[in-house]
Amino acid sequence: MKKTIAKKWKISKLKEHPQQAVIFGDVSEEELADLVDDIKQNGLRDAIEIQPDGTIITGHQRVRAAKVLGWKEIDVVIRDDLAAAGPEAIEQHFINDNFIRRQLSPLGFARCIKRLFEIEENRGSVCHTAVKI
């Protein structure tokens, strides 16, 4: 990722990634409350990554927490580089980011691995995806 500067974006204009609910779902209410408390005490440490159209790539749960806190805007980084690389590059980044941010169930882990293999297969290559676990 090239160095980019975060900018403010209206939360109401953000859209969930279409695979978010299918692959990951939301964290529990308890985990969300912990995230809300952390953001309230420490601020937003990492900007949300989005596509130019406002589709969230990384940061779905941080957006949920910001809504609980009543925020109207949130810091985002618009990933034009991923958008230019295409939907598979976006989805691959989306999945890899969640590997390092969540405790996945065995089923969730299997879904991620399966989807990463499908992405590589669609590219017509052997799977060389580096999964960060």
N, C-alpha and C. Protein backbone atom coordinates (compact mmCIF):
# COMPACT_ATOMS: atom_id res chain seq x y z
N MET A 1 0.85 -1.17 0.00
CA MET A 1 0.00 0.00 0.00
C MET A 1 0.89 1.23 0.00
N LYS A 2 0.62 2.13 -0.90
CA LYS A 2 1.37 3.37 -0.90
C LYS A 2 0.94 4.22 0.29
N LYS A 3 1.80 5.10 0.71
CA LYS A 3 1.50 5.93 1.88
C LYS A 3 0.33 6.86 1.54
N THR A 4 -0.68 6.80 2.36
CA THR A 4 -1.86 7.62 2.14
C THR A 4 -2.24 8.32 3.42
N ILE A 5 -2.97 9.38 3.25
CA ILE A 5 -3.41 10.17 4.39
C ILE A 5 -4.88 9.89 4.64
N ALA A 6 -5.20 9.69 5.90
CA ALA A 6 -6.59 9.45 6.26
C ALA A 6 -7.37 10.75 6.11
N LYS A 7 -8.63 10.60 5.71
CA LYS A 7 -9.52 11.76 5.62
C LYS A 7 -10.83 11.40 6.28
N LYS A 8 -11.60 12.39 6.62
CA LYS A 8 -12.91 12.18 7.25
C LYS A 8 -13.93 11.75 6.20
N TRP A 9 -14.81 10.82 6.57
CA TRP A 9 -15.84 10.32 5.68
C TRP A 9 -17.12 10.17 6.50
N LYS A 10 -18.24 10.52 5.95
CA LYS A 10 -19.51 10.36 6.65
C LYS A 10 -19.82 8.88 6.80
N ILE A 11 -20.08 8.48 8.04
CA ILE A 11 -20.38 7.07 8.32
C ILE A 11 -21.62 6.62 7.56
N SER A 12 -22.59 7.52 7.42
CA SER A 12 -23.83 7.16 6.72
C SER A 12 -23.61 6.82 5.25
N LYS A 13 -22.47 7.18 4.70
CA LYS A 13 -22.17 6.90 3.29
C LYS A 13 -21.34 5.62 3.10
N LEU A 14 -20.99 4.96 4.21
CA LEU A 14 -20.22 3.72 4.13
C LEU A 14 -21.13 2.53 3.88
N LYS A 15 -20.61 1.53 3.15
CA LYS A 15 -21.35 0.31 2.86
C LYS A 15 -20.52 -0.88 3.29
N GLU A 16 -21.19 -1.91 3.81
CA GLU A 16 -20.47 -3.13 4.19
C GLU A 16 -19.98 -3.86 2.95
N HIS A 17 -18.84 -4.49 3.10
CA HIS A 17 -18.34 -5.37 2.04
C HIS A 17 -19.35 -6.51 1.90
N PRO A 18 -19.70 -6.91 0.68
CA PRO A 18 -20.73 -7.94 0.50
C PRO A 18 -20.38 -9.29 1.13
N GLN A 19 -19.11 -9.57 1.37
CA GLN A 19 -18.72 -10.85 1.97
C GLN A 19 -18.60 -10.78 3.49
N GLN A 20 -18.74 -9.60 4.08
CA GLN A 20 -18.56 -9.45 5.53
C GLN A 20 -19.47 -10.39 6.32
N ALA A 21 -20.76 -10.33 6.06
CA ALA A 21 -21.71 -11.15 6.81
C ALA A 21 -21.54 -12.63 6.50
N VAL A 22 -21.24 -12.95 5.25
CA VAL A 22 -21.12 -14.34 4.83
C VAL A 22 -19.91 -15.01 5.47
N ILE A 23 -18.77 -14.34 5.42
CA ILE A 23 -17.53 -14.97 5.89
C ILE A 23 -17.30 -14.74 7.38
N PHE A 24 -17.52 -13.52 7.86
CA PHE A 24 -17.13 -13.19 9.23
C PHE A 24 -18.28 -12.89 10.18
N GLY A 25 -19.29 -12.20 9.72
CA GLY A 25 -20.35 -11.77 10.64
C GLY A 25 -19.82 -10.70 11.57
N ASP A 26 -20.58 -10.43 12.60
CA ASP A 26 -20.20 -9.41 13.57
C ASP A 26 -19.61 -10.04 14.83
N VAL A 27 -18.83 -9.25 15.55
CA VAL A 27 -18.34 -9.71 16.85
C VAL A 27 -19.51 -9.73 17.82
N SER A 28 -19.34 -10.39 18.95
CA SER A 28 -20.40 -10.46 19.96
C SER A 28 -20.65 -9.07 20.55
N GLU A 29 -21.79 -8.93 21.19
CA GLU A 29 -22.11 -7.65 21.83
C GLU A 29 -21.06 -7.30 22.90
N GLU A 30 -20.56 -8.30 23.60
CA GLU A 30 -19.53 -8.07 24.61
C GLU A 30 -18.23 -7.57 23.98
N GLU A 31 -17.82 -8.19 22.88
CA GLU A 31 -16.62 -7.75 22.18
C GLU A 31 -16.80 -6.35 21.60
N LEU A 32 -18.00 -6.07 21.10
CA LEU A 32 -18.28 -4.73 20.58
C LEU A 32 -18.20 -3.70 21.70
N ALA A 33 -18.76 -4.03 22.87
CA ALA A 33 -18.70 -3.10 24.01
C ALA A 33 -17.25 -2.83 24.41
N ASP A 34 -16.41 -3.87 24.37
CA ASP A 34 -14.98 -3.68 24.68
C ASP A 34 -14.31 -2.76 23.66
N LEU A 35 -14.67 -2.94 22.39
CA LEU A 35 -14.11 -2.09 21.34
C LEU A 35 -14.58 -0.65 21.51
N VAL A 36 -15.85 -0.47 21.83
CA VAL A 36 -16.38 0.88 22.07
C VAL A 36 -15.61 1.55 23.21
N ASP A 37 -15.41 0.82 24.31
CA ASP A 37 -14.66 1.37 25.45
C ASP A 37 -13.23 1.74 25.05
N ASP A 38 -12.59 0.86 24.27
CA ASP A 38 -11.22 1.13 23.85
C ASP A 38 -11.15 2.38 22.97
N ILE A 39 -12.06 2.51 22.02
CA ILE A 39 -12.05 3.68 21.14
C ILE A 39 -12.39 4.94 21.93
N LYS A 40 -13.28 4.81 22.90
CA LYS A 40 -13.63 5.97 23.73
C LYS A 40 -12.41 6.44 24.52
N GLN A 41 -11.62 5.52 25.03
CA GLN A 41 -10.45 5.86 25.84
C GLN A 41 -9.24 6.26 25.00
N ASN A 42 -9.03 5.57 23.88
CA ASN A 42 -7.79 5.73 23.12
C ASN A 42 -7.96 6.34 21.74
N GLY A 43 -9.19 6.56 21.33
CA GLY A 43 -9.43 7.06 19.98
C GLY A 43 -9.31 5.95 18.95
N LEU A 44 -9.54 6.29 17.71
CA LEU A 44 -9.44 5.34 16.62
C LEU A 44 -7.97 5.23 16.23
N ARG A 45 -7.39 4.07 16.46
CA ARG A 45 -5.96 3.88 16.20
C ARG A 45 -5.64 3.70 14.73
N ASP A 46 -6.53 3.00 14.03
CA ASP A 46 -6.30 2.72 12.61
C ASP A 46 -7.50 3.20 11.81
N ALA A 47 -7.21 3.93 10.74
CA ALA A 47 -8.29 4.40 9.86
C ALA A 47 -8.94 3.19 9.18
N ILE A 48 -10.19 3.37 8.82
CA ILE A 48 -10.93 2.37 8.07
C ILE A 48 -10.42 2.41 6.63
N GLU A 49 -10.31 1.26 5.99
CA GLU A 49 -9.92 1.22 4.58
C GLU A 49 -11.18 0.99 3.76
N ILE A 50 -11.36 1.84 2.74
CA ILE A 50 -12.56 1.73 1.91
C ILE A 50 -12.22 1.79 0.43
N GLN A 51 -13.16 1.34 -0.37
CA GLN A 51 -13.09 1.51 -1.82
C GLN A 51 -13.56 2.93 -2.14
N PRO A 52 -13.26 3.44 -3.32
CA PRO A 52 -13.69 4.80 -3.67
C PRO A 52 -15.20 5.03 -3.56
N ASP A 53 -16.01 3.95 -3.69
CA ASP A 53 -17.46 4.10 -3.58
C ASP A 53 -17.98 4.04 -2.15
N GLY A 54 -17.07 3.90 -1.18
CA GLY A 54 -17.47 3.87 0.22
C GLY A 54 -17.66 2.47 0.79
N THR A 55 -17.41 1.44 0.01
CA THR A 55 -17.51 0.07 0.51
C THR A 55 -16.35 -0.20 1.45
N ILE A 56 -16.65 -0.66 2.64
CA ILE A 56 -15.62 -0.94 3.64
C ILE A 56 -14.83 -2.18 3.24
N ILE A 57 -13.51 -2.05 3.28
CA ILE A 57 -12.63 -3.19 3.06
C ILE A 57 -12.20 -3.72 4.42
N THR A 58 -11.69 -2.84 5.27
CA THR A 58 -11.28 -3.22 6.63
C THR A 58 -11.88 -2.22 7.62
N GLY A 59 -12.34 -2.73 8.75
CA GLY A 59 -12.84 -1.84 9.79
C GLY A 59 -14.32 -1.90 10.06
N HIS A 60 -14.99 -2.96 9.65
CA HIS A 60 -16.44 -3.06 9.87
C HIS A 60 -16.82 -2.91 11.35
N GLN A 61 -16.07 -3.54 12.22
CA GLN A 61 -16.41 -3.49 13.64
C GLN A 61 -16.08 -2.13 14.25
N ARG A 62 -15.02 -1.49 13.75
CA ARG A 62 -14.70 -0.14 14.21
C ARG A 62 -15.80 0.84 13.79
N VAL A 63 -16.38 0.62 12.62
CA VAL A 63 -17.49 1.46 12.19
C VAL A 63 -18.70 1.22 13.10
N ARG A 64 -18.97 -0.03 13.42
CA ARG A 64 -20.07 -0.33 14.35
C ARG A 64 -19.86 0.38 15.69
N ALA A 65 -18.63 0.33 16.19
CA ALA A 65 -18.32 0.98 17.47
C ALA A 65 -18.50 2.49 17.37
N ALA A 66 -18.06 3.07 16.26
CA ALA A 66 -18.21 4.52 16.06
C ALA A 66 -19.68 4.92 16.05
N LYS A 67 -20.52 4.08 15.47
CA LYS A 67 -21.97 4.35 15.46
C LYS A 67 -22.52 4.33 16.88
N VAL A 68 -22.08 3.37 17.68
CA VAL A 68 -22.51 3.30 19.09
C VAL A 68 -22.10 4.58 19.81
N LEU A 69 -20.92 5.08 19.49
CA LEU A 69 -20.42 6.30 20.12
C LEU A 69 -21.09 7.56 19.58
N GLY A 70 -21.91 7.41 18.55
CA GLY A 70 -22.63 8.56 18.00
C GLY A 70 -21.83 9.38 17.01
N TRP A 71 -20.71 8.86 16.53
CA TRP A 71 -19.91 9.58 15.57
C TRP A 71 -20.67 9.72 14.25
N LYS A 72 -20.50 10.83 13.59
CA LYS A 72 -21.09 11.06 12.26
C LYS A 72 -20.06 10.86 11.16
N GLU A 73 -18.76 11.02 11.52
CA GLU A 73 -17.67 10.85 10.57
C GLU A 73 -16.59 9.97 11.19
N ILE A 74 -15.79 9.37 10.31
CA ILE A 74 -14.71 8.51 10.77
C ILE A 74 -13.54 8.66 9.80
N ASP A 75 -12.33 8.43 10.29
CA ASP A 75 -11.14 8.50 9.44
C ASP A 75 -11.10 7.29 8.51
N VAL A 76 -10.88 7.56 7.23
CA VAL A 76 -10.78 6.50 6.23
C VAL A 76 -9.55 6.70 5.37
N VAL A 77 -9.09 5.61 4.80
CA VAL A 77 -8.09 5.64 3.74
C VAL A 77 -8.78 5.03 2.53
N ILE A 78 -8.84 5.79 1.45
CA ILE A 78 -9.46 5.31 0.23
C ILE A 78 -8.41 4.52 -0.55
N ARG A 79 -8.69 3.25 -0.77
CA ARG A 79 -7.73 2.34 -1.40
C ARG A 79 -7.93 2.28 -2.91
N ASP A 80 -7.55 3.37 -3.59
CA ASP A 80 -7.61 3.41 -5.05
C ASP A 80 -6.73 2.32 -5.66
N ASP A 81 -5.61 2.01 -4.99
CA ASP A 81 -4.70 0.99 -5.51
C ASP A 81 -5.37 -0.38 -5.57
N LEU A 82 -6.11 -0.73 -4.53
CA LEU A 82 -6.82 -2.02 -4.54
C LEU A 82 -7.96 -2.00 -5.54
N ALA A 83 -8.67 -0.88 -5.61
CA ALA A 83 -9.77 -0.77 -6.57
C ALA A 83 -9.25 -0.96 -7.99
N ALA A 84 -8.09 -0.40 -8.28
CA ALA A 84 -7.50 -0.54 -9.61
C ALA A 84 -7.06 -1.99 -9.88
N ALA A 85 -6.68 -2.70 -8.83
CA ALA A 85 -6.24 -4.09 -8.97
C ALA A 85 -7.41 -5.05 -9.16
N GLY A 86 -8.62 -4.61 -8.82
CA GLY A 86 -9.81 -5.42 -9.07
C GLY A 86 -10.42 -6.04 -7.84
N PRO A 87 -11.63 -6.59 -8.00
CA PRO A 87 -12.38 -7.13 -6.87
C PRO A 87 -11.68 -8.27 -6.13
N GLU A 88 -10.94 -9.09 -6.87
CA GLU A 88 -10.26 -10.20 -6.19
C GLU A 88 -9.16 -9.69 -5.26
N ALA A 89 -8.44 -8.65 -5.67
CA ALA A 89 -7.40 -8.06 -4.81
C ALA A 89 -8.04 -7.45 -3.57
N ILE A 90 -9.17 -6.81 -3.74
CA ILE A 90 -9.88 -6.22 -2.60
C ILE A 90 -10.31 -7.31 -1.64
N GLU A 91 -10.93 -8.37 -2.17
CA GLU A 91 -11.41 -9.45 -1.31
C GLU A 91 -10.26 -10.17 -0.61
N GLN A 92 -9.17 -10.36 -1.30
CA GLN A 92 -8.00 -11.01 -0.69
C GLN A 92 -7.49 -10.17 0.48
N HIS A 93 -7.40 -8.86 0.29
CA HIS A 93 -6.95 -7.98 1.37
C HIS A 93 -7.94 -8.01 2.53
N PHE A 94 -9.22 -7.97 2.22
CA PHE A 94 -10.29 -8.02 3.21
C PHE A 94 -10.17 -9.29 4.07
N ILE A 95 -9.95 -10.43 3.44
CA ILE A 95 -9.84 -11.70 4.18
C ILE A 95 -8.56 -11.73 4.99
N ASN A 96 -7.43 -11.39 4.38
CA ASN A 96 -6.15 -11.42 5.11
C ASN A 96 -6.16 -10.49 6.31
N ASP A 97 -6.78 -9.33 6.19
CA ASP A 97 -6.85 -8.40 7.32
C ASP A 97 -7.61 -9.01 8.49
N ASN A 98 -8.67 -9.73 8.20
CA ASN A 98 -9.46 -10.33 9.27
C ASN A 98 -8.75 -11.49 9.94
N PHE A 99 -7.84 -12.15 9.23
CA PHE A 99 -7.06 -13.21 9.85
C PHE A 99 -6.27 -12.68 11.04
N ILE A 100 -5.75 -11.46 10.91
CA ILE A 100 -4.91 -10.94 11.98
C ILE A 100 -5.69 -10.16 13.02
N ARG A 101 -6.95 -9.88 12.78
CA ARG A 101 -7.73 -9.07 13.71
C ARG A 101 -8.72 -9.87 14.53
N ARG A 102 -8.97 -11.11 14.24
CA ARG A 102 -10.03 -11.87 14.89
C ARG A 102 -9.60 -13.25 15.31
N GLN A 103 -10.34 -13.76 16.29
CA GLN A 103 -10.26 -15.17 16.62
C GLN A 103 -11.31 -15.85 15.76
N LEU A 104 -10.90 -16.62 14.81
CA LEU A 104 -11.84 -17.27 13.91
C LEU A 104 -12.21 -18.65 14.43
N SER A 105 -13.45 -19.02 14.23
CA SER A 105 -13.87 -20.39 14.51
C SER A 105 -13.25 -21.28 13.43
N PRO A 106 -13.19 -22.58 13.68
CA PRO A 106 -12.67 -23.46 12.64
C PRO A 106 -13.44 -23.33 11.31
N LEU A 107 -14.76 -23.15 11.41
CA LEU A 107 -15.56 -22.98 10.20
C LEU A 107 -15.22 -21.66 9.50
N GLY A 108 -15.07 -20.58 10.26
CA GLY A 108 -14.70 -19.30 9.68
C GLY A 108 -13.34 -19.36 9.02
N PHE A 109 -12.41 -20.03 9.68
CA PHE A 109 -11.07 -20.20 9.13
C PHE A 109 -11.15 -20.97 7.81
N ALA A 110 -11.93 -22.05 7.80
CA ALA A 110 -12.07 -22.87 6.59
C ALA A 110 -12.70 -22.05 5.45
N ARG A 111 -13.69 -21.22 5.77
CA ARG A 111 -14.31 -20.37 4.74
C ARG A 111 -13.28 -19.43 4.12
N CYS A 112 -12.45 -18.86 4.97
CA CYS A 112 -11.41 -17.93 4.48
C CYS A 112 -10.43 -18.64 3.56
N ILE A 113 -9.94 -19.77 4.01
CA ILE A 113 -8.97 -20.52 3.20
C ILE A 113 -9.61 -20.93 1.88
N LYS A 114 -10.84 -21.42 1.93
CA LYS A 114 -11.55 -21.82 0.71
C LYS A 114 -11.66 -20.65 -0.25
N ARG A 115 -12.06 -19.49 0.26
CA ARG A 115 -12.24 -18.34 -0.62
C ARG A 115 -10.91 -17.86 -1.21
N LEU A 116 -9.85 -17.88 -0.41
CA LEU A 116 -8.53 -17.49 -0.93
C LEU A 116 -8.08 -18.43 -2.04
N PHE A 117 -8.35 -19.74 -1.87
CA PHE A 117 -8.02 -20.68 -2.93
C PHE A 117 -8.84 -20.39 -4.19
N GLU A 118 -10.13 -20.07 -4.02
CA GLU A 118 -10.98 -19.74 -5.17
C GLU A 118 -10.45 -18.52 -5.91
N ILE A 119 -10.03 -17.52 -5.17
CA ILE A 119 -9.49 -16.31 -5.80
C ILE A 119 -8.26 -16.66 -6.62
N GLU A 120 -7.36 -17.44 -6.06
CA GLU A 120 -6.15 -17.83 -6.78
C GLU A 120 -6.50 -18.69 -7.99
N GLU A 121 -7.46 -19.58 -7.83
CA GLU A 121 -7.88 -20.44 -8.93
C GLU A 121 -8.43 -19.60 -10.09
N ASN A 122 -9.22 -18.58 -9.76
CA ASN A 122 -9.79 -17.70 -10.78
C ASN A 122 -8.71 -16.93 -11.52
N ARG A 123 -7.59 -16.71 -10.87
CA ARG A 123 -6.46 -16.03 -11.53
C ARG A 123 -5.70 -16.98 -12.43
N GLY A 124 -6.03 -18.29 -12.32
CA GLY A 124 -5.36 -19.28 -13.15
C GLY A 124 -3.97 -19.63 -12.67
N SER A 125 -3.76 -19.50 -11.35
CA SER A 125 -2.44 -19.84 -10.83
C SER A 125 -2.58 -20.75 -9.63
N VAL A 126 -1.46 -21.32 -9.27
CA VAL A 126 -1.40 -22.14 -8.06
C VAL A 126 -1.47 -21.18 -6.87
N CYS A 127 -2.05 -21.63 -5.79
CA CYS A 127 -2.23 -20.76 -4.63
C CYS A 127 -0.88 -20.42 -3.99
N HIS A 128 -0.52 -19.14 -4.08
CA HIS A 128 0.69 -18.64 -3.44
C HIS A 128 0.34 -17.59 -2.39
N THR A 129 -0.93 -17.54 -2.02
CA THR A 129 -1.37 -16.53 -1.08
C THR A 129 -0.73 -16.73 0.27
N ALA A 130 -0.13 -15.69 0.78
CA ALA A 130 0.45 -15.75 2.12
C ALA A 130 -0.63 -15.34 3.11
N VAL A 131 -1.06 -16.28 3.88
CA VAL A 131 -2.09 -16.01 4.88
C VAL A 131 -1.39 -15.69 6.19
N LYS A 132 -1.74 -14.57 6.77
CA LYS A 132 -1.14 -14.15 8.04
C LYS A 132 -1.98 -14.72 9.16
N ILE A 133 -1.45 -15.67 9.85
CA ILE A 133 -2.18 -16.30 10.95
C ILE A 133 -1.46 -16.00 12.26
